[in-house]
Amino acid sequence: MKIVDIRKNAEHKMQKSVEALKVDLSKVRTGRAHPGVLDHVTVDYYGTPTPVPQVASVTLLDNRTIGVTPWDKKMAGIIEKAIRDSDLGLNPSTQGELVRVPMPALTEERRRDLIKVVKHEAENARVAIRNVRRDAIHSLKEALKAKEVSEDDERRAQDEVQKLTDKFIGDVDKLLAAKEADLLVI
């Protein structure tokens, strides 16, 4: 395996770890409304489990309320029940065709709990990035043993992998800081 391939593979996997963290952090609910909160809530749409955004228009009515307008008017009650039964702890109400989903304010204790969850997710992402670094360095050492690369090239490649690792861990730290700030806003 060439050094370029090892580096690209490591960079790709590290990027995936950061993307996965973004998805995980978007699921952590802050006190403000965010349409992405309902992305993983599914409804029974004519016998098929379907995410809410695929059967309705999800919009922000204000900074604490999400509005869900189903495209099929008979779906309003089903969507309301699905949101209520989800693990999000939300209490939607239907007004005609519109399902209003108010976001409850977070207590100080709940904010602290959510920050712990967010820090744990960020640490998991850091560990995943370090594991990719370990695997890449192992592949480089294997290539050196097989005399596919010189010692100088292997050393330079290890330095590049370390720089990639530092960059992506920095990205994780930035995401964590932004989410913590988001959670602390009242």
C-alpha atoms as a PDB file:
ATOM      1  CA  MET A   1       0.000   0.000   0.000  1.00  0.00           C
ATOM      2  CA  LYS A   2       1.360   3.406  -0.944  1.00  0.00           C
ATOM      3  CA  ILE A   3       1.939   6.168   1.591  1.00  0.00           C
ATOM      4  CA  VAL A   4      -0.512   8.413  -0.283  1.00  0.00           C
ATOM      5  CA  ASP A   5      -3.237   5.757   0.008  1.00  0.00           C
ATOM      6  CA  ILE A   6      -2.601   5.256   3.730  1.00  0.00           C
ATOM      7  CA  ARG A   7      -2.755   9.027   4.333  1.00  0.00           C
ATOM      8  CA  LYS A   8      -5.939   9.489   2.261  1.00  0.00           C
ATOM      9  CA  ASN A   9      -7.597   6.531   3.958  1.00  0.00           C
ATOM     10  CA  ALA A  10      -6.704   7.907   7.410  1.00  0.00           C
ATOM     11  CA  GLU A  11      -7.929  11.389   6.498  1.00  0.00           C
ATOM     12  CA  HIS A  12     -11.196   9.982   5.147  1.00  0.00           C
ATOM     13  CA  LYS A  13     -11.823   7.925   8.295  1.00  0.00           C
ATOM     14  CA  MET A  14     -10.989  10.860  10.566  1.00  0.00           C
ATOM     15  CA  GLN A  15     -13.394  13.073   8.593  1.00  0.00           C
ATOM     16  CA  LYS A  16     -16.091  10.409   9.028  1.00  0.00           C
ATOM     17  CA  SER A  17     -15.510  10.472  12.803  1.00  0.00           C
ATOM     18  CA  VAL A  18     -15.995  14.247  12.876  1.00  0.00           C
ATOM     19  CA  GLU A  19     -19.160  13.947  10.723  1.00  0.00           C
ATOM     20  CA  ALA A  20     -20.536  11.259  13.050  1.00  0.00           C
ATOM     21  CA  LEU A  21     -19.888  13.565  16.017  1.00  0.00           C
ATOM     22  CA  LYS A  22     -21.787  16.385  14.274  1.00  0.00           C
ATOM     23  CA  VAL A  23     -24.765  14.058  13.808  1.00  0.00           C
ATOM     24  CA  ASP A  24     -24.601  12.889  17.437  1.00  0.00           C
ATOM     25  CA  LEU A  25     -24.357  16.451  18.744  1.00  0.00           C
ATOM     26  CA  SER A  26     -27.294  17.584  16.617  1.00  0.00           C
ATOM     27  CA  LYS A  27     -29.447  15.015  18.421  1.00  0.00           C
ATOM     28  CA  VAL A  28     -28.641  16.543  21.815  1.00  0.00           C
ATOM     29  CA  ARG A  29     -31.501  18.921  22.432  1.00  0.00           C
ATOM     30  CA  THR A  30     -30.831  22.452  23.574  1.00  0.00           C
ATOM     31  CA  GLY A  31     -33.524  24.798  24.899  1.00  0.00           C
ATOM     32  CA  ARG A  32     -33.956  26.306  21.451  1.00  0.00           C
ATOM     33  CA  ALA A  33     -36.047  24.761  18.719  1.00  0.00           C
ATOM     34  CA  HIS A  34     -34.199  23.102  15.845  1.00  0.00           C
ATOM     35  CA  PRO A  35     -35.946  21.324  12.942  1.00  0.00           C
ATOM     36  CA  GLY A  36     -33.287  18.584  12.927  1.00  0.00           C
ATOM     37  CA  VAL A  37     -34.580  17.355  16.294  1.00  0.00           C
ATOM     38  CA  LEU A  38     -37.363  15.474  14.494  1.00  0.00           C
ATOM     39  CA  ASP A  39     -35.112  13.868  11.843  1.00  0.00           C
ATOM     40  CA  HIS A  40     -34.970  10.477  13.553  1.00  0.00           C
ATOM     41  CA  VAL A  41     -38.654  10.376  14.624  1.00  0.00           C
ATOM     42  CA  THR A  42     -40.501   7.952  12.340  1.00  0.00           C
ATOM     43  CA  VAL A  43     -44.220   7.669  11.582  1.00  0.00           C
ATOM     44  CA  ASP A  44     -46.183   4.824  10.055  1.00  0.00           C
ATOM     45  CA  TYR A  45     -46.852   6.144   6.538  1.00  0.00           C
ATOM     46  CA  TYR A  46     -49.163   3.629   4.856  1.00  0.00           C
ATOM     47  CA  GLY A  47     -47.369   0.699   6.496  1.00  0.00           C
ATOM     48  CA  THR A  48     -43.832   2.045   6.019  1.00  0.00           C
ATOM     49  CA  PRO A  49     -41.792   3.614   8.872  1.00  0.00           C
ATOM     50  CA  THR A  50     -40.871   7.031   7.451  1.00  0.00           C
ATOM     51  CA  PRO A  51     -38.964   9.967   9.046  1.00  0.00           C
ATOM     52  CA  VAL A  52     -41.185  12.970   9.840  1.00  0.00           C
ATOM     53  CA  PRO A  53     -39.340  15.349   7.435  1.00  0.00           C
ATOM     54  CA  GLN A  54     -40.288  13.023   4.542  1.00  0.00           C
ATOM     55  CA  VAL A  55     -44.038  13.250   5.236  1.00  0.00           C
ATOM     56  CA  ALA A  56     -44.303  16.850   6.431  1.00  0.00           C
ATOM     57  CA  SER A  57     -42.821  20.305   6.234  1.00  0.00           C
ATOM     58  CA  VAL A  58     -40.818  20.992   9.420  1.00  0.00           C
ATOM     59  CA  THR A  59     -40.326  24.704  10.155  1.00  0.00           C
ATOM     60  CA  LEU A  60     -39.504  27.003  13.055  1.00  0.00           C
ATOM     61  CA  LEU A  61     -42.480  29.035  14.263  1.00  0.00           C
ATOM     62  CA  ASP A  62     -40.281  30.871  16.786  1.00  0.00           C
ATOM     63  CA  ASN A  63     -37.077  30.084  18.685  1.00  0.00           C
ATOM     64  CA  ARG A  64     -38.901  27.702  21.054  1.00  0.00           C
ATOM     65  CA  THR A  65     -41.530  26.135  18.765  1.00  0.00           C
ATOM     66  CA  ILE A  66     -41.312  23.791  15.789  1.00  0.00           C
ATOM     67  CA  GLY A  67     -44.206  23.662  13.341  1.00  0.00           C
ATOM     68  CA  VAL A  68     -44.933  20.427  11.474  1.00  0.00           C
ATOM     69  CA  THR A  69     -47.346  20.665   8.523  1.00  0.00           C
ATOM     70  CA  PRO A  70     -48.116  17.229   7.051  1.00  0.00           C
ATOM     71  CA  TRP A  71     -48.514  16.990   3.291  1.00  0.00           C
ATOM     72  CA  ASP A  72     -51.252  14.400   3.799  1.00  0.00           C
ATOM     73  CA  LYS A  73     -53.804  16.073   6.095  1.00  0.00           C
ATOM     74  CA  LYS A  74     -54.787  12.745   7.747  1.00  0.00           C
ATOM     75  CA  MET A  75     -51.213  12.372   9.073  1.00  0.00           C
ATOM     76  CA  ALA A  76     -51.393  15.197  11.678  1.00  0.00           C
ATOM     77  CA  GLY A  77     -52.630  12.953  14.513  1.00  0.00           C
ATOM     78  CA  ILE A  78     -50.184  10.174  13.615  1.00  0.00           C
ATOM     79  CA  ILE A  79     -47.260  12.628  13.567  1.00  0.00           C
ATOM     80  CA  GLU A  80     -48.326  14.118  16.903  1.00  0.00           C
ATOM     81  CA  LYS A  81     -48.485  10.648  18.487  1.00  0.00           C
ATOM     82  CA  ALA A  82     -45.091   9.646  17.025  1.00  0.00           C
ATOM     83  CA  ILE A  83     -43.431  12.789  18.432  1.00  0.00           C
ATOM     84  CA  ARG A  84     -45.072  12.291  21.821  1.00  0.00           C
ATOM     85  CA  ASP A  85     -44.014   8.606  21.937  1.00  0.00           C
ATOM     86  CA  SER A  86     -40.411   9.361  20.893  1.00  0.00           C
ATOM     87  CA  ASP A  87     -37.586   9.554  23.441  1.00  0.00           C
ATOM     88  CA  LEU A  88     -37.326  13.339  23.025  1.00  0.00           C
ATOM     89  CA  GLY A  89     -39.637  14.263  25.900  1.00  0.00           C
ATOM     90  CA  LEU A  90     -41.701  16.640  23.763  1.00  0.00           C
ATOM     91  CA  ASN A  91     -45.417  17.378  24.103  1.00  0.00           C
ATOM     92  CA  PRO A  92     -46.848  18.379  20.692  1.00  0.00           C
ATOM     93  CA  SER A  93     -50.358  19.711  20.109  1.00  0.00           C
ATOM     94  CA  THR A  94     -52.383  19.751  16.894  1.00  0.00           C
ATOM     95  CA  GLN A  95     -54.165  22.901  15.710  1.00  0.00           C
ATOM     96  CA  GLY A  96     -56.039  22.023  12.541  1.00  0.00           C
ATOM     97  CA  GLU A  97     -53.393  20.736  10.132  1.00  0.00           C
ATOM     98  CA  LEU A  98     -50.430  22.201  12.045  1.00  0.00           C
ATOM     99  CA  VAL A  99     -48.655  20.192  14.747  1.00  0.00           C
ATOM    100  CA  ARG A 100     -46.993  22.618  17.183  1.00  0.00           C
ATOM    101  CA  VAL A 101     -44.013  21.227  19.081  1.00  0.00           C
ATOM    102  CA  PRO A 102     -42.966  23.541  21.939  1.00  0.00           C
ATOM    103  CA  MET A 103     -39.444  22.983  23.269  1.00  0.00           C
ATOM    104  CA  PRO A 104     -39.420  22.989  27.075  1.00  0.00           C
ATOM    105  CA  ALA A 105     -36.802  25.149  28.767  1.00  0.00           C
ATOM    106  CA  LEU A 106     -33.864  23.225  30.188  1.00  0.00           C
ATOM    107  CA  THR A 107     -33.206  23.202  33.918  1.00  0.00           C
ATOM    108  CA  GLU A 108     -29.685  23.910  35.169  1.00  0.00           C
ATOM    109  CA  GLU A 109     -29.312  20.275  36.259  1.00  0.00           C
ATOM    110  CA  ARG A 110     -30.444  19.011  32.843  1.00  0.00           C
ATOM    111  CA  ARG A 111     -27.956  21.357  31.137  1.00  0.00           C
ATOM    112  CA  ARG A 112     -25.118  19.899  33.211  1.00  0.00           C
ATOM    113  CA  ASP A 113     -26.236  16.357  32.352  1.00  0.00           C
ATOM    114  CA  LEU A 114     -26.360  17.223  28.647  1.00  0.00           C
ATOM    115  CA  ILE A 115     -22.875  18.769  28.805  1.00  0.00           C
ATOM    116  CA  LYS A 116     -21.596  15.489  30.288  1.00  0.00           C
ATOM    117  CA  VAL A 117     -23.246  13.590  27.409  1.00  0.00           C
ATOM    118  CA  VAL A 118     -21.733  15.984  24.852  1.00  0.00           C
ATOM    119  CA  LYS A 119     -18.247  15.666  26.388  1.00  0.00           C
ATOM    120  CA  HIS A 120     -18.580  11.878  26.308  1.00  0.00           C
ATOM    121  CA  GLU A 121     -19.536  11.962  22.607  1.00  0.00           C
ATOM    122  CA  ALA A 122     -16.558  14.230  21.853  1.00  0.00           C
ATOM    123  CA  GLU A 123     -14.196  11.894  23.712  1.00  0.00           C
ATOM    124  CA  ASN A 124     -15.531   8.948  21.697  1.00  0.00           C
ATOM    125  CA  ALA A 125     -14.776  10.892  18.496  1.00  0.00           C
ATOM    126  CA  ARG A 126     -11.237  11.677  19.728  1.00  0.00           C
ATOM    127  CA  VAL A 127     -10.671   7.986  20.515  1.00  0.00           C
ATOM    128  CA  ALA A 128     -11.916   7.012  17.046  1.00  0.00           C
ATOM    129  CA  ILE A 129      -9.521   9.524  15.443  1.00  0.00           C
ATOM    130  CA  ARG A 130      -6.601   8.229  17.537  1.00  0.00           C
ATOM    131  CA  ASN A 131      -7.475   4.655  16.542  1.00  0.00           C
ATOM    132  CA  VAL A 132      -7.303   5.691  12.881  1.00  0.00           C
ATOM    133  CA  ARG A 133      -3.895   7.253  13.557  1.00  0.00           C
ATOM    134  CA  ARG A 134      -2.708   4.050  15.235  1.00  0.00           C
ATOM    135  CA  ASP A 135      -3.893   1.928  12.294  1.00  0.00           C
ATOM    136  CA  ALA A 136      -2.255   4.271   9.754  1.00  0.00           C
ATOM    137  CA  ILE A 137       1.073   4.230  11.611  1.00  0.00           C
ATOM    138  CA  HIS A 138       0.856   0.440  11.860  1.00  0.00           C
ATOM    139  CA  SER A 139       0.305   0.246   8.074  1.00  0.00           C
ATOM    140  CA  LEU A 140       3.311   2.526   7.521  1.00  0.00           C
ATOM    141  CA  LYS A 141       5.521   0.327   9.724  1.00  0.00           C
ATOM    142  CA  GLU A 142       4.331  -2.757   7.851  1.00  0.00           C
ATOM    143  CA  ALA A 143       5.258  -1.059   4.555  1.00  0.00           C
ATOM    144  CA  LEU A 144       8.694  -0.239   6.003  1.00  0.00           C
ATOM    145  CA  LYS A 145       9.209  -3.854   7.115  1.00  0.00           C
ATOM    146  CA  ALA A 146       8.232  -5.055   3.645  1.00  0.00           C
ATOM    147  CA  LYS A 147      10.792  -2.573   2.249  1.00  0.00           C
ATOM    148  CA  GLU A 148       8.065  -0.818   0.218  1.00  0.00           C
ATOM    149  CA  VAL A 149       9.075   2.595   1.602  1.00  0.00           C
ATOM    150  CA  SER A 150      12.267   4.157   2.944  1.00  0.00           C
ATOM    151  CA  GLU A 151      12.714   5.083   6.602  1.00  0.00           C
ATOM    152  CA  ASP A 152      12.705   8.800   5.745  1.00  0.00           C
ATOM    153  CA  ASP A 153       9.441   8.506   3.800  1.00  0.00           C
ATOM    154  CA  GLU A 154       7.880   6.475   6.591  1.00  0.00           C
ATOM    155  CA  ARG A 155       8.934   9.081   9.199  1.00  0.00           C
ATOM    156  CA  ARG A 156       7.552  11.960   7.070  1.00  0.00           C
ATOM    157  CA  ALA A 157       4.302  10.066   6.542  1.00  0.00           C
ATOM    158  CA  GLN A 158       3.984   9.475  10.303  1.00  0.00           C
ATOM    159  CA  ASP A 159       4.426  13.210  10.868  1.00  0.00           C
ATOM    160  CA  GLU A 160       1.707  13.929   8.273  1.00  0.00           C
ATOM    161  CA  VAL A 161      -0.660  11.455   9.963  1.00  0.00           C
ATOM    162  CA  GLN A 162       0.046  13.144  13.319  1.00  0.00           C
ATOM    163  CA  LYS A 163      -0.714  16.568  11.824  1.00  0.00           C
ATOM    164  CA  LEU A 164      -3.992  15.192  10.422  1.00  0.00           C
ATOM    165  CA  THR A 165      -4.819  13.780  13.844  1.00  0.00           C
ATOM    166  CA  ASP A 166      -4.130  17.128  15.519  1.00  0.00           C
ATOM    167  CA  LYS A 167      -6.277  18.947  12.934  1.00  0.00           C
ATOM    168  CA  PHE A 168      -9.295  16.646  13.345  1.00  0.00           C
ATOM    169  CA  ILE A 169      -9.036  16.586  17.147  1.00  0.00           C
ATOM    170  CA  GLY A 170      -9.014  20.396  16.967  1.00  0.00           C
ATOM    171  CA  ASP A 171     -12.225  20.187  14.893  1.00  0.00           C
ATOM    172  CA  VAL A 172     -13.785  17.947  17.568  1.00  0.00           C
ATOM    173  CA  ASP A 173     -12.784  20.448  20.267  1.00  0.00           C
ATOM    174  CA  LYS A 174     -14.362  23.315  18.302  1.00  0.00           C
ATOM    175  CA  LEU A 175     -17.612  21.374  17.857  1.00  0.00           C
ATOM    176  CA  LEU A 176     -17.637  20.540  21.578  1.00  0.00           C
ATOM    177  CA  ALA A 177     -17.034  24.167  22.593  1.00  0.00           C
ATOM    178  CA  ALA A 178     -19.820  25.387  20.287  1.00  0.00           C
ATOM    179  CA  LYS A 179     -22.303  22.807  21.622  1.00  0.00           C
ATOM    180  CA  GLU A 180     -21.398  23.578  25.251  1.00  0.00           C
ATOM    181  CA  ALA A 181     -21.949  27.296  24.604  1.00  0.00           C
ATOM    182  CA  ASP A 182     -25.263  26.434  22.931  1.00  0.00           C
ATOM    183  CA  LEU A 183     -26.360  24.402  25.953  1.00  0.00           C
ATOM    184  CA  LEU A 184     -25.431  27.141  28.423  1.00  0.00           C
ATOM    185  CA  VAL A 185     -27.486  29.828  26.643  1.00  0.00           C
ATOM    186  CA  ILE A 186     -30.710  30.356  28.579  1.00  0.00           C
END
